[in-house]
mmCIF file of all heavy atoms, coordinates in Angstrom:
data_MODEL
# 
_entry.id   MODEL 
# 
loop_
_atom_site.group_PDB 
_atom_site.id 
_atom_site.type_symbol 
_atom_site.label_atom_id 
_atom_site.label_alt_id 
_atom_site.label_comp_id 
_atom_site.label_asym_id 
_atom_site.label_entity_id 
_atom_site.label_seq_id 
_atom_site.pdbx_PDB_ins_code 
_atom_site.Cartn_x 
_atom_site.Cartn_y 
_atom_site.Cartn_z 
_atom_site.occupancy 
_atom_site.B_iso_or_equiv 
_atom_site.pdbx_formal_charge 
_atom_site.auth_seq_id 
_atom_site.auth_comp_id 
_atom_site.auth_asym_id 
_atom_site.auth_atom_id 
_atom_site.pdbx_PDB_model_num 
ATOM 1   N N   . ALA A 1 1  ? 8.739   -7.810  20.247 1.00 0.00 ? 1  ALA A N   1 
ATOM 2   C CA  . ALA A 1 1  ? 7.656   -7.119  20.945 1.00 0.00 ? 1  ALA A CA  1 
ATOM 3   C C   . ALA A 1 1  ? 6.741   -8.145  21.593 1.00 0.00 ? 1  ALA A C   1 
ATOM 4   O O   . ALA A 1 1  ? 6.371   -9.148  20.976 1.00 0.00 ? 1  ALA A O   1 
ATOM 5   C CB  . ALA A 1 1  ? 6.857   -6.235  19.982 1.00 0.00 ? 1  ALA A CB  1 
ATOM 6   N N   . GLY A 1 2  ? 6.401   -7.906  22.857 1.00 0.00 ? 2  GLY A N   1 
ATOM 7   C CA  . GLY A 1 2  ? 5.498   -8.790  23.581 1.00 0.00 ? 2  GLY A CA  1 
ATOM 8   C C   . GLY A 1 2  ? 4.116   -8.193  23.658 1.00 0.00 ? 2  GLY A C   1 
ATOM 9   O O   . GLY A 1 2  ? 3.959   -6.994  23.917 1.00 0.00 ? 2  GLY A O   1 
ATOM 10  N N   . LEU A 1 3  ? 3.108   -9.021  23.427 1.00 0.00 ? 3  LEU A N   1 
ATOM 11  C CA  . LEU A 1 3  ? 1.707   -8.601  23.531 1.00 0.00 ? 3  LEU A CA  1 
ATOM 12  C C   . LEU A 1 3  ? 1.099   -9.357  24.705 1.00 0.00 ? 3  LEU A C   1 
ATOM 13  O O   . LEU A 1 3  ? 0.989   -10.591 24.664 1.00 0.00 ? 3  LEU A O   1 
ATOM 14  C CB  . LEU A 1 3  ? 0.969   -8.920  22.234 1.00 0.00 ? 3  LEU A CB  1 
ATOM 15  C CG  . LEU A 1 3  ? -0.477  -8.463  22.095 1.00 0.00 ? 3  LEU A CG  1 
ATOM 16  C CD1 . LEU A 1 3  ? -0.579  -6.943  22.148 1.00 0.00 ? 3  LEU A CD1 1 
ATOM 17  C CD2 . LEU A 1 3  ? -1.080  -8.990  20.792 1.00 0.00 ? 3  LEU A CD2 1 
ATOM 18  N N   . ILE A 1 4  ? 0.752   -8.632  25.770 1.00 0.00 ? 4  ILE A N   1 
ATOM 19  C CA  . ILE A 1 4  ? 0.301   -9.284  26.993 1.00 0.00 ? 4  ILE A CA  1 
ATOM 20  C C   . ILE A 1 4  ? -1.103  -8.811  27.370 1.00 0.00 ? 4  ILE A C   1 
ATOM 21  O O   . ILE A 1 4  ? -1.610  -7.825  26.843 1.00 0.00 ? 4  ILE A O   1 
ATOM 22  C CB  . ILE A 1 4  ? 1.268   -9.027  28.166 1.00 0.00 ? 4  ILE A CB  1 
ATOM 23  C CG1 . ILE A 1 4  ? 1.266   -7.535  28.559 1.00 0.00 ? 4  ILE A CG1 1 
ATOM 24  C CG2 . ILE A 1 4  ? 2.672   -9.506  27.821 1.00 0.00 ? 4  ILE A CG2 1 
ATOM 25  C CD1 . ILE A 1 4  ? 2.011   -7.238  29.852 1.00 0.00 ? 4  ILE A CD1 1 
ATOM 26  N N   . GLY A 1 5  ? -1.695  -9.507  28.313 1.00 0.00 ? 5  GLY A N   1 
ATOM 27  C CA  . GLY A 1 5  ? -3.008  -9.160  28.819 1.00 0.00 ? 5  GLY A CA  1 
ATOM 28  C C   . GLY A 1 5  ? -3.694  -10.383 29.389 1.00 0.00 ? 5  GLY A C   1 
ATOM 29  O O   . GLY A 1 5  ? -3.386  -11.519 28.988 1.00 0.00 ? 5  GLY A O   1 
ATOM 30  N N   . PRO A 1 6  ? -4.608  -10.192 30.330 1.00 0.00 ? 6  PRO A N   1 
ATOM 31  C CA  . PRO A 1 6  ? -5.347  -11.334 30.897 1.00 0.00 ? 6  PRO A CA  1 
ATOM 32  C C   . PRO A 1 6  ? -6.167  -12.047 29.830 1.00 0.00 ? 6  PRO A C   1 
ATOM 33  O O   . PRO A 1 6  ? -6.339  -11.541 28.709 1.00 0.00 ? 6  PRO A O   1 
ATOM 34  C CB  . PRO A 1 6  ? -6.261  -10.659 31.945 1.00 0.00 ? 6  PRO A CB  1 
ATOM 35  C CG  . PRO A 1 6  ? -5.678  -9.312  32.181 1.00 0.00 ? 6  PRO A CG  1 
ATOM 36  C CD  . PRO A 1 6  ? -5.019  -8.907  30.905 1.00 0.00 ? 6  PRO A CD  1 
ATOM 37  N N   . ASN A 1 7  ? -6.670  -13.227 30.149 1.00 0.00 ? 7  ASN A N   1 
ATOM 38  C CA  . ASN A 1 7  ? -7.544  -13.946 29.226 1.00 0.00 ? 7  ASN A CA  1 
ATOM 39  C C   . ASN A 1 7  ? -8.712  -13.049 28.816 1.00 0.00 ? 7  ASN A C   1 
ATOM 40  O O   . ASN A 1 7  ? -9.317  -12.380 29.649 1.00 0.00 ? 7  ASN A O   1 
ATOM 41  C CB  . ASN A 1 7  ? -8.081  -15.227 29.872 1.00 0.00 ? 7  ASN A CB  1 
ATOM 42  C CG  . ASN A 1 7  ? -7.005  -16.279 30.032 1.00 0.00 ? 7  ASN A CG  1 
ATOM 43  O OD1 . ASN A 1 7  ? -6.065  -16.334 29.250 1.00 0.00 ? 7  ASN A OD1 1 
ATOM 44  N ND2 . ASN A 1 7  ? -7.139  -17.124 31.045 1.00 0.00 ? 7  ASN A ND2 1 
ATOM 45  N N   . GLY A 1 8  ? -9.024  -13.056 27.529 1.00 0.00 ? 8  GLY A N   1 
ATOM 46  C CA  . GLY A 1 8  ? -10.122 -12.239 27.032 1.00 0.00 ? 8  GLY A CA  1 
ATOM 47  C C   . GLY A 1 8  ? -9.729  -10.812 26.724 1.00 0.00 ? 8  GLY A C   1 
ATOM 48  O O   . GLY A 1 8  ? -10.602 -9.987  26.403 1.00 0.00 ? 8  GLY A O   1 
ATOM 49  N N   . ALA A 1 9  ? -8.436  -10.509 26.767 1.00 0.00 ? 9  ALA A N   1 
ATOM 50  C CA  . ALA A 1 9  ? -7.993  -9.125  26.529 1.00 0.00 ? 9  ALA A CA  1 
ATOM 51  C C   . ALA A 1 9  ? -8.042  -8.745  25.059 1.00 0.00 ? 9  ALA A C   1 
ATOM 52  O O   . ALA A 1 9  ? -8.031  -7.559  24.726 1.00 0.00 ? 9  ALA A O   1 
ATOM 53  C CB  . ALA A 1 9  ? -6.580  -8.930  27.067 1.00 0.00 ? 9  ALA A CB  1 
ATOM 54  N N   . GLY A 1 10 ? -8.058  -9.726  24.160 1.00 0.00 ? 10 GLY A N   1 
ATOM 55  C CA  . GLY A 1 10 ? -8.108  -9.437  22.726 1.00 0.00 ? 10 GLY A CA  1 
ATOM 56  C C   . GLY A 1 10 ? -6.835  -9.788  21.972 1.00 0.00 ? 10 GLY A C   1 
ATOM 57  O O   . GLY A 1 10 ? -6.695  -9.462  20.792 1.00 0.00 ? 10 GLY A O   1 
ATOM 58  N N   . LYS A 1 11 ? -5.906  -10.466 22.629 1.00 0.00 ? 11 LYS A N   1 
ATOM 59  C CA  . LYS A 1 11 ? -4.607  -10.755 22.013 1.00 0.00 ? 11 LYS A CA  1 
ATOM 60  C C   . LYS A 1 11 ? -4.751  -11.659 20.787 1.00 0.00 ? 11 LYS A C   1 
ATOM 61  O O   . LYS A 1 11 ? -4.195  -11.373 19.723 1.00 0.00 ? 11 LYS A O   1 
ATOM 62  C CB  . LYS A 1 11 ? -3.675  -11.407 23.047 1.00 0.00 ? 11 LYS A CB  1 
ATOM 63  C CG  . LYS A 1 11 ? -3.497  -10.598 24.325 1.00 0.00 ? 11 LYS A CG  1 
ATOM 64  C CD  . LYS A 1 11 ? -2.544  -11.269 25.285 1.00 0.00 ? 11 LYS A CD  1 
ATOM 65  C CE  . LYS A 1 11 ? -3.020  -12.639 25.754 1.00 0.00 ? 11 LYS A CE  1 
ATOM 66  N NZ  . LYS A 1 11 ? -4.294  -12.568 26.530 1.00 0.00 ? 11 LYS A NZ  1 
ATOM 67  N N   . THR A 1 12 ? -5.465  -12.762 20.932 1.00 0.00 ? 12 THR A N   1 
ATOM 68  C CA  . THR A 1 12 ? -5.619  -13.690 19.815 1.00 0.00 ? 12 THR A CA  1 
ATOM 69  C C   . THR A 1 12 ? -6.438  -13.059 18.697 1.00 0.00 ? 12 THR A C   1 
ATOM 70  O O   . THR A 1 12 ? -6.163  -13.287 17.511 1.00 0.00 ? 12 THR A O   1 
ATOM 71  C CB  . THR A 1 12 ? -6.271  -15.004 20.290 1.00 0.00 ? 12 THR A CB  1 
ATOM 72  O OG1 . THR A 1 12 ? -5.415  -15.628 21.254 1.00 0.00 ? 12 THR A OG1 1 
ATOM 73  C CG2 . THR A 1 12 ? -6.472  -15.959 19.121 1.00 0.00 ? 12 THR A CG2 1 
ATOM 74  N N   . THR A 1 13 ? -7.422  -12.250 19.063 1.00 0.00 ? 13 THR A N   1 
ATOM 75  C CA  . THR A 1 13 ? -8.206  -11.541 18.045 1.00 0.00 ? 13 THR A CA  1 
ATOM 76  C C   . THR A 1 13 ? -7.294  -10.645 17.213 1.00 0.00 ? 13 THR A C   1 
ATOM 77  O O   . THR A 1 13 ? -7.405  -10.598 15.983 1.00 0.00 ? 13 THR A O   1 
ATOM 78  C CB  . THR A 1 13 ? -9.308  -10.688 18.701 1.00 0.00 ? 13 THR A CB  1 
ATOM 79  O OG1 . THR A 1 13 ? -10.209 -11.546 19.400 1.00 0.00 ? 13 THR A OG1 1 
ATOM 80  C CG2 . THR A 1 13 ? -10.084 -9.900  17.658 1.00 0.00 ? 13 THR A CG2 1 
ATOM 81  N N   . LEU A 1 14 ? -6.379  -9.956  17.870 1.00 0.00 ? 14 LEU A N   1 
ATOM 82  C CA  . LEU A 1 14 ? -5.449  -9.098  17.148 1.00 0.00 ? 14 LEU A CA  1 
ATOM 83  C C   . LEU A 1 14 ? -4.544  -9.924  16.233 1.00 0.00 ? 14 LEU A C   1 
ATOM 84  O O   . LEU A 1 14 ? -4.310  -9.555  15.072 1.00 0.00 ? 14 LEU A O   1 
ATOM 85  C CB  . LEU A 1 14 ? -4.606  -8.282  18.129 1.00 0.00 ? 14 LEU A CB  1 
ATOM 86  C CG  . LEU A 1 14 ? -3.595  -7.323  17.515 1.00 0.00 ? 14 LEU A CG  1 
ATOM 87  C CD1 . LEU A 1 14 ? -4.272  -6.339  16.567 1.00 0.00 ? 14 LEU A CD1 1 
ATOM 88  C CD2 . LEU A 1 14 ? -2.842  -6.565  18.591 1.00 0.00 ? 14 LEU A CD2 1 
ATOM 89  N N   . PHE A 1 15 ? -4.037  -11.043 16.734 1.00 0.00 ? 15 PHE A N   1 
ATOM 90  C CA  . PHE A 1 15 ? -3.219  -11.923 15.893 1.00 0.00 ? 15 PHE A CA  1 
ATOM 91  C C   . PHE A 1 15 ? -4.008  -12.381 14.669 1.00 0.00 ? 15 PHE A C   1 
ATOM 92  O O   . PHE A 1 15 ? -3.469  -12.459 13.567 1.00 0.00 ? 15 PHE A O   1 
ATOM 93  C CB  . PHE A 1 15 ? -2.756  -13.138 16.705 1.00 0.00 ? 15 PHE A CB  1 
ATOM 94  C CG  . PHE A 1 15 ? -1.340  -13.035 17.189 1.00 0.00 ? 15 PHE A CG  1 
ATOM 95  C CD1 . PHE A 1 15 ? -0.801  -11.811 17.546 1.00 0.00 ? 15 PHE A CD1 1 
ATOM 96  C CD2 . PHE A 1 15 ? -0.535  -14.150 17.296 1.00 0.00 ? 15 PHE A CD2 1 
ATOM 97  C CE1 . PHE A 1 15 ? 0.509   -11.707 17.990 1.00 0.00 ? 15 PHE A CE1 1 
ATOM 98  C CE2 . PHE A 1 15 ? 0.775   -14.067 17.738 1.00 0.00 ? 15 PHE A CE2 1 
ATOM 99  C CZ  . PHE A 1 15 ? 1.303   -12.837 18.086 1.00 0.00 ? 15 PHE A CZ  1 
ATOM 100 N N   . ASN A 1 16 ? -5.275  -12.698 14.870 1.00 0.00 ? 16 ASN A N   1 
ATOM 101 C CA  . ASN A 1 16 ? -6.098  -13.146 13.753 1.00 0.00 ? 16 ASN A CA  1 
ATOM 102 C C   . ASN A 1 16 ? -6.349  -12.033 12.747 1.00 0.00 ? 16 ASN A C   1 
ATOM 103 O O   . ASN A 1 16 ? -6.527  -12.299 11.553 1.00 0.00 ? 16 ASN A O   1 
ATOM 104 C CB  . ASN A 1 16 ? -7.422  -13.713 14.260 1.00 0.00 ? 16 ASN A CB  1 
ATOM 105 C CG  . ASN A 1 16 ? -7.256  -15.081 14.906 1.00 0.00 ? 16 ASN A CG  1 
ATOM 106 O OD1 . ASN A 1 16 ? -6.286  -15.794 14.633 1.00 0.00 ? 16 ASN A OD1 1 
ATOM 107 N ND2 . ASN A 1 16 ? -8.195  -15.461 15.767 1.00 0.00 ? 16 ASN A ND2 1 
ATOM 108 N N   . CYS A 1 17 ? -6.342  -10.789 13.210 1.00 0.00 ? 17 CYS A N   1 
ATOM 109 C CA  . CYS A 1 17 ? -6.433  -9.655  12.284 1.00 0.00 ? 17 CYS A CA  1 
ATOM 110 C C   . CYS A 1 17 ? -5.145  -9.517  11.480 1.00 0.00 ? 17 CYS A C   1 
ATOM 111 O O   . CYS A 1 17 ? -5.168  -9.249  10.273 1.00 0.00 ? 17 CYS A O   1 
ATOM 112 C CB  . CYS A 1 17 ? -6.707  -8.356  13.042 1.00 0.00 ? 17 CYS A CB  1 
ATOM 113 S SG  . CYS A 1 17 ? -8.361  -8.220  13.747 1.00 0.00 ? 17 CYS A SG  1 
ATOM 114 N N   . LEU A 1 18 ? -4.002  -9.720  12.144 1.00 0.00 ? 18 LEU A N   1 
ATOM 115 C CA  . LEU A 1 18 ? -2.719  -9.636  11.454 1.00 0.00 ? 18 LEU A CA  1 
ATOM 116 C C   . LEU A 1 18 ? -2.569  -10.756 10.430 1.00 0.00 ? 18 LEU A C   1 
ATOM 117 O O   . LEU A 1 18 ? -1.888  -10.598 9.413  1.00 0.00 ? 18 LEU A O   1 
ATOM 118 C CB  . LEU A 1 18 ? -1.573  -9.703  12.468 1.00 0.00 ? 18 LEU A CB  1 
ATOM 119 C CG  . LEU A 1 18 ? -1.472  -8.539  13.453 1.00 0.00 ? 18 LEU A CG  1 
ATOM 120 C CD1 . LEU A 1 18 ? -0.403  -8.813  14.507 1.00 0.00 ? 18 LEU A CD1 1 
ATOM 121 C CD2 . LEU A 1 18 ? -1.167  -7.238  12.732 1.00 0.00 ? 18 LEU A CD2 1 
ATOM 122 N N   . SER A 1 19 ? -3.203  -11.897 10.689 1.00 0.00 ? 19 SER A N   1 
ATOM 123 C CA  . SER A 1 19 ? -3.156  -13.030 9.764  1.00 0.00 ? 19 SER A CA  1 
ATOM 124 C C   . SER A 1 19 ? -4.261  -12.959 8.711  1.00 0.00 ? 19 SER A C   1 
ATOM 125 O O   . SER A 1 19 ? -4.351  -13.847 7.868  1.00 0.00 ? 19 SER A O   1 
ATOM 126 C CB  . SER A 1 19 ? -3.279  -14.349 10.535 1.00 0.00 ? 19 SER A CB  1 
ATOM 127 O OG  . SER A 1 19 ? -2.287  -14.459 11.525 1.00 0.00 ? 19 SER A OG  1 
ATOM 128 N N   . ARG A 1 20 ? -5.106  -11.929 8.799  1.00 0.00 ? 20 ARG A N   1 
ATOM 129 C CA  . ARG A 1 20 ? -6.260  -11.745 7.909  1.00 0.00 ? 20 ARG A CA  1 
ATOM 130 C C   . ARG A 1 20 ? -7.320  -12.832 8.079  1.00 0.00 ? 20 ARG A C   1 
ATOM 131 O O   . ARG A 1 20 ? -8.171  -13.032 7.206  1.00 0.00 ? 20 ARG A O   1 
ATOM 132 C CB  . ARG A 1 20 ? -5.839  -11.700 6.436  1.00 0.00 ? 20 ARG A CB  1 
ATOM 133 C CG  . ARG A 1 20 ? -5.101  -10.469 5.957  1.00 0.00 ? 20 ARG A CG  1 
ATOM 134 C CD  . ARG A 1 20 ? -5.913  -9.177  5.991  1.00 0.00 ? 20 ARG A CD  1 
ATOM 135 N NE  . ARG A 1 20 ? -7.313  -9.330  5.629  1.00 0.00 ? 20 ARG A NE  1 
ATOM 136 C CZ  . ARG A 1 20 ? -7.765  -9.385  4.377  1.00 0.00 ? 20 ARG A CZ  1 
ATOM 137 N NH1 . ARG A 1 20 ? -6.922  -9.300  3.355  1.00 0.00 ? 20 ARG A NH1 1 
ATOM 138 N NH2 . ARG A 1 20 ? -9.047  -9.508  4.127  1.00 0.00 ? 20 ARG A NH2 1 
ATOM 139 N N   . LEU A 1 21 ? -7.309  -13.533 9.230  1.00 0.00 ? 21 LEU A N   1 
ATOM 140 C CA  . LEU A 1 21 ? -8.389  -14.464 9.518  1.00 0.00 ? 21 LEU A CA  1 
ATOM 141 C C   . LEU A 1 21 ? -9.637  -13.699 9.916  1.00 0.00 ? 21 LEU A C   1 
ATOM 142 O O   . LEU A 1 21 ? -10.767 -14.153 9.689  1.00 0.00 ? 21 LEU A O   1 
ATOM 143 C CB  . LEU A 1 21 ? -7.974  -15.428 10.635 1.00 0.00 ? 21 LEU A CB  1 
ATOM 144 C CG  . LEU A 1 21 ? -6.789  -16.345 10.329 1.00 0.00 ? 21 LEU A CG  1 
ATOM 145 C CD1 . LEU A 1 21 ? -6.418  -17.171 11.546 1.00 0.00 ? 21 LEU A CD1 1 
ATOM 146 C CD2 . LEU A 1 21 ? -7.091  -17.248 9.145  1.00 0.00 ? 21 LEU A CD2 1 
ATOM 147 N N   . TYR A 1 22 ? -9.441  -12.538 10.560 1.00 0.00 ? 22 TYR A N   1 
ATOM 148 C CA  . TYR A 1 22 ? -10.541 -11.645 10.913 1.00 0.00 ? 22 TYR A CA  1 
ATOM 149 C C   . TYR A 1 22 ? -10.369 -10.333 10.164 1.00 0.00 ? 22 TYR A C   1 
ATOM 150 O O   . TYR A 1 22 ? -9.247  -9.911  9.864  1.00 0.00 ? 22 TYR A O   1 
ATOM 151 C CB  . TYR A 1 22 ? -10.554 -11.327 12.413 1.00 0.00 ? 22 TYR A CB  1 
ATOM 152 C CG  . TYR A 1 22 ? -10.865 -12.474 13.335 1.00 0.00 ? 22 TYR A CG  1 
ATOM 153 C CD1 . TYR A 1 22 ? -10.617 -12.364 14.699 1.00 0.00 ? 22 TYR A CD1 1 
ATOM 154 C CD2 . TYR A 1 22 ? -11.416 -13.666 12.865 1.00 0.00 ? 22 TYR A CD2 1 
ATOM 155 C CE1 . TYR A 1 22 ? -10.900 -13.407 15.575 1.00 0.00 ? 22 TYR A CE1 1 
ATOM 156 C CE2 . TYR A 1 22 ? -11.691 -14.709 13.730 1.00 0.00 ? 22 TYR A CE2 1 
ATOM 157 C CZ  . TYR A 1 22 ? -11.426 -14.580 15.079 1.00 0.00 ? 22 TYR A CZ  1 
ATOM 158 O OH  . TYR A 1 22 ? -11.698 -15.611 15.936 1.00 0.00 ? 22 TYR A OH  1 
ATOM 159 N N   . GLU A 1 23 ? -11.499 -9.680  9.897  1.00 0.00 ? 23 GLU A N   1 
ATOM 160 C CA  . GLU A 1 23 ? -11.491 -8.352  9.298  1.00 0.00 ? 23 GLU A CA  1 
ATOM 161 C C   . GLU A 1 23 ? -11.679 -7.302  10.388 1.00 0.00 ? 23 GLU A C   1 
ATOM 162 O O   . GLU A 1 23 ? -12.429 -7.509  11.346 1.00 0.00 ? 23 GLU A O   1 
ATOM 163 C CB  . GLU A 1 23 ? -12.620 -8.220  8.263  1.00 0.00 ? 23 GLU A CB  1 
ATOM 164 C CG  . GLU A 1 23 ? -12.511 -9.169  7.079  1.00 0.00 ? 23 GLU A CG  1 
ATOM 165 C CD  . GLU A 1 23 ? -11.437 -8.744  6.093  1.00 0.00 ? 23 GLU A CD  1 
ATOM 166 O OE1 . GLU A 1 23 ? -10.863 -7.656  6.267  1.00 0.00 ? 23 GLU A OE1 1 
ATOM 167 O OE2 . GLU A 1 23 ? -11.185 -9.516  5.147  1.00 0.00 ? 23 GLU A OE2 1 
ATOM 168 N N   . CYS A 1 24 ? -11.007 -6.180  10.238 1.00 0.00 ? 24 CYS A N   1 
ATOM 169 C CA  . CYS A 1 24 ? -11.196 -5.051  11.157 1.00 0.00 ? 24 CYS A CA  1 
ATOM 170 C C   . CYS A 1 24 ? -12.429 -4.253  10.732 1.00 0.00 ? 24 CYS A C   1 
ATOM 171 O O   . CYS A 1 24 ? -12.579 -3.930  9.559  1.00 0.00 ? 24 CYS A O   1 
ATOM 172 C CB  . CYS A 1 24 ? -9.968  -4.134  11.145 1.00 0.00 ? 24 CYS A CB  1 
ATOM 173 S SG  . CYS A 1 24 ? -8.412  -4.932  11.480 1.00 0.00 ? 24 CYS A SG  1 
ATOM 174 N N   . GLU A 1 25 ? -13.291 -3.943  11.693 1.00 0.00 ? 25 GLU A N   1 
ATOM 175 C CA  . GLU A 1 25 ? -14.445 -3.104  11.379 1.00 0.00 ? 25 GLU A CA  1 
ATOM 176 C C   . GLU A 1 25 ? -14.031 -1.650  11.207 1.00 0.00 ? 25 GLU A C   1 
ATOM 177 O O   . GLU A 1 25 ? -14.608 -0.907  10.417 1.00 0.00 ? 25 GLU A O   1 
ATOM 178 C CB  . GLU A 1 25 ? -15.500 -3.229  12.483 1.00 0.00 ? 25 GLU A CB  1 
ATOM 179 C CG  . GLU A 1 25 ? -16.081 -4.627  12.587 1.00 0.00 ? 25 GLU A CG  1 
ATOM 180 C CD  . GLU A 1 25 ? -17.152 -4.719  13.658 1.00 0.00 ? 25 GLU A CD  1 
ATOM 181 O OE1 . GLU A 1 25 ? -17.669 -3.664  14.078 1.00 0.00 ? 25 GLU A OE1 1 
ATOM 182 O OE2 . GLU A 1 25 ? -17.472 -5.841  14.064 1.00 0.00 ? 25 GLU A OE2 1 
ATOM 183 N N   . GLU A 1 26 ? -13.048 -1.246  11.978 1.00 0.00 ? 26 GLU A N   1 
ATOM 184 C CA  . GLU A 1 26 ? -12.492 0.096   11.873 1.00 0.00 ? 26 GLU A CA  1 
ATOM 185 C C   . GLU A 1 26 ? -10.978 -0.003  12.016 1.00 0.00 ? 26 GLU A C   1 
ATOM 186 O O   . GLU A 1 26 ? -10.448 -0.952  12.575 1.00 0.00 ? 26 GLU A O   1 
ATOM 187 C CB  . GLU A 1 26 ? -13.044 1.016   12.967 1.00 0.00 ? 26 GLU A CB  1 
ATOM 188 C CG  . GLU A 1 26 ? -14.540 1.247   12.906 1.00 0.00 ? 26 GLU A CG  1 
ATOM 189 C CD  . GLU A 1 26 ? -15.026 2.129   14.054 1.00 0.00 ? 26 GLU A CD  1 
ATOM 190 O OE1 . GLU A 1 26 ? -14.178 2.760   14.724 1.00 0.00 ? 26 GLU A OE1 1 
ATOM 191 O OE2 . GLU A 1 26 ? -16.249 2.182   14.278 1.00 0.00 ? 26 GLU A OE2 1 
ATOM 192 N N   . GLY A 1 27 ? -10.282 1.015   11.503 1.00 0.00 ? 27 GLY A N   1 
ATOM 193 C CA  . GLY A 1 27 ? -8.837  1.075   11.654 1.00 0.00 ? 27 GLY A CA  1 
ATOM 194 C C   . GLY A 1 27 ? -8.084  0.417   10.511 1.00 0.00 ? 27 GLY A C   1 
ATOM 195 O O   . GLY A 1 27 ? -8.684  -0.154  9.586  1.00 0.00 ? 27 GLY A O   1 
ATOM 196 N N   . THR A 1 28 ? -6.772  0.506   10.571 1.00 0.00 ? 28 THR A N   1 
ATOM 197 C CA  . THR A 1 28 ? -5.921  -0.037  9.523  1.00 0.00 ? 28 THR A CA  1 
ATOM 198 C C   . THR A 1 28 ? -4.733  -0.782  10.130 1.00 0.00 ? 28 THR A C   1 
ATOM 199 O O   . THR A 1 28 ? -4.290  -0.483  11.248 1.00 0.00 ? 28 THR A O   1 
ATOM 200 C CB  . THR A 1 28 ? -5.365  1.075   8.614  1.00 0.00 ? 28 THR A CB  1 
ATOM 201 O OG1 . THR A 1 28 ? -4.622  2.008   9.408  1.00 0.00 ? 28 THR A OG1 1 
ATOM 202 C CG2 . THR A 1 28 ? -6.498  1.797   7.889  1.00 0.00 ? 28 THR A CG2 1 
# 
């Protein structure tokens, strides 16, 4: 699966959520 988007789209933030480096404020 490819995750795409322009710079600032949130891709790295999502990866950091999957790695548990960041916590999600909402959602699972």
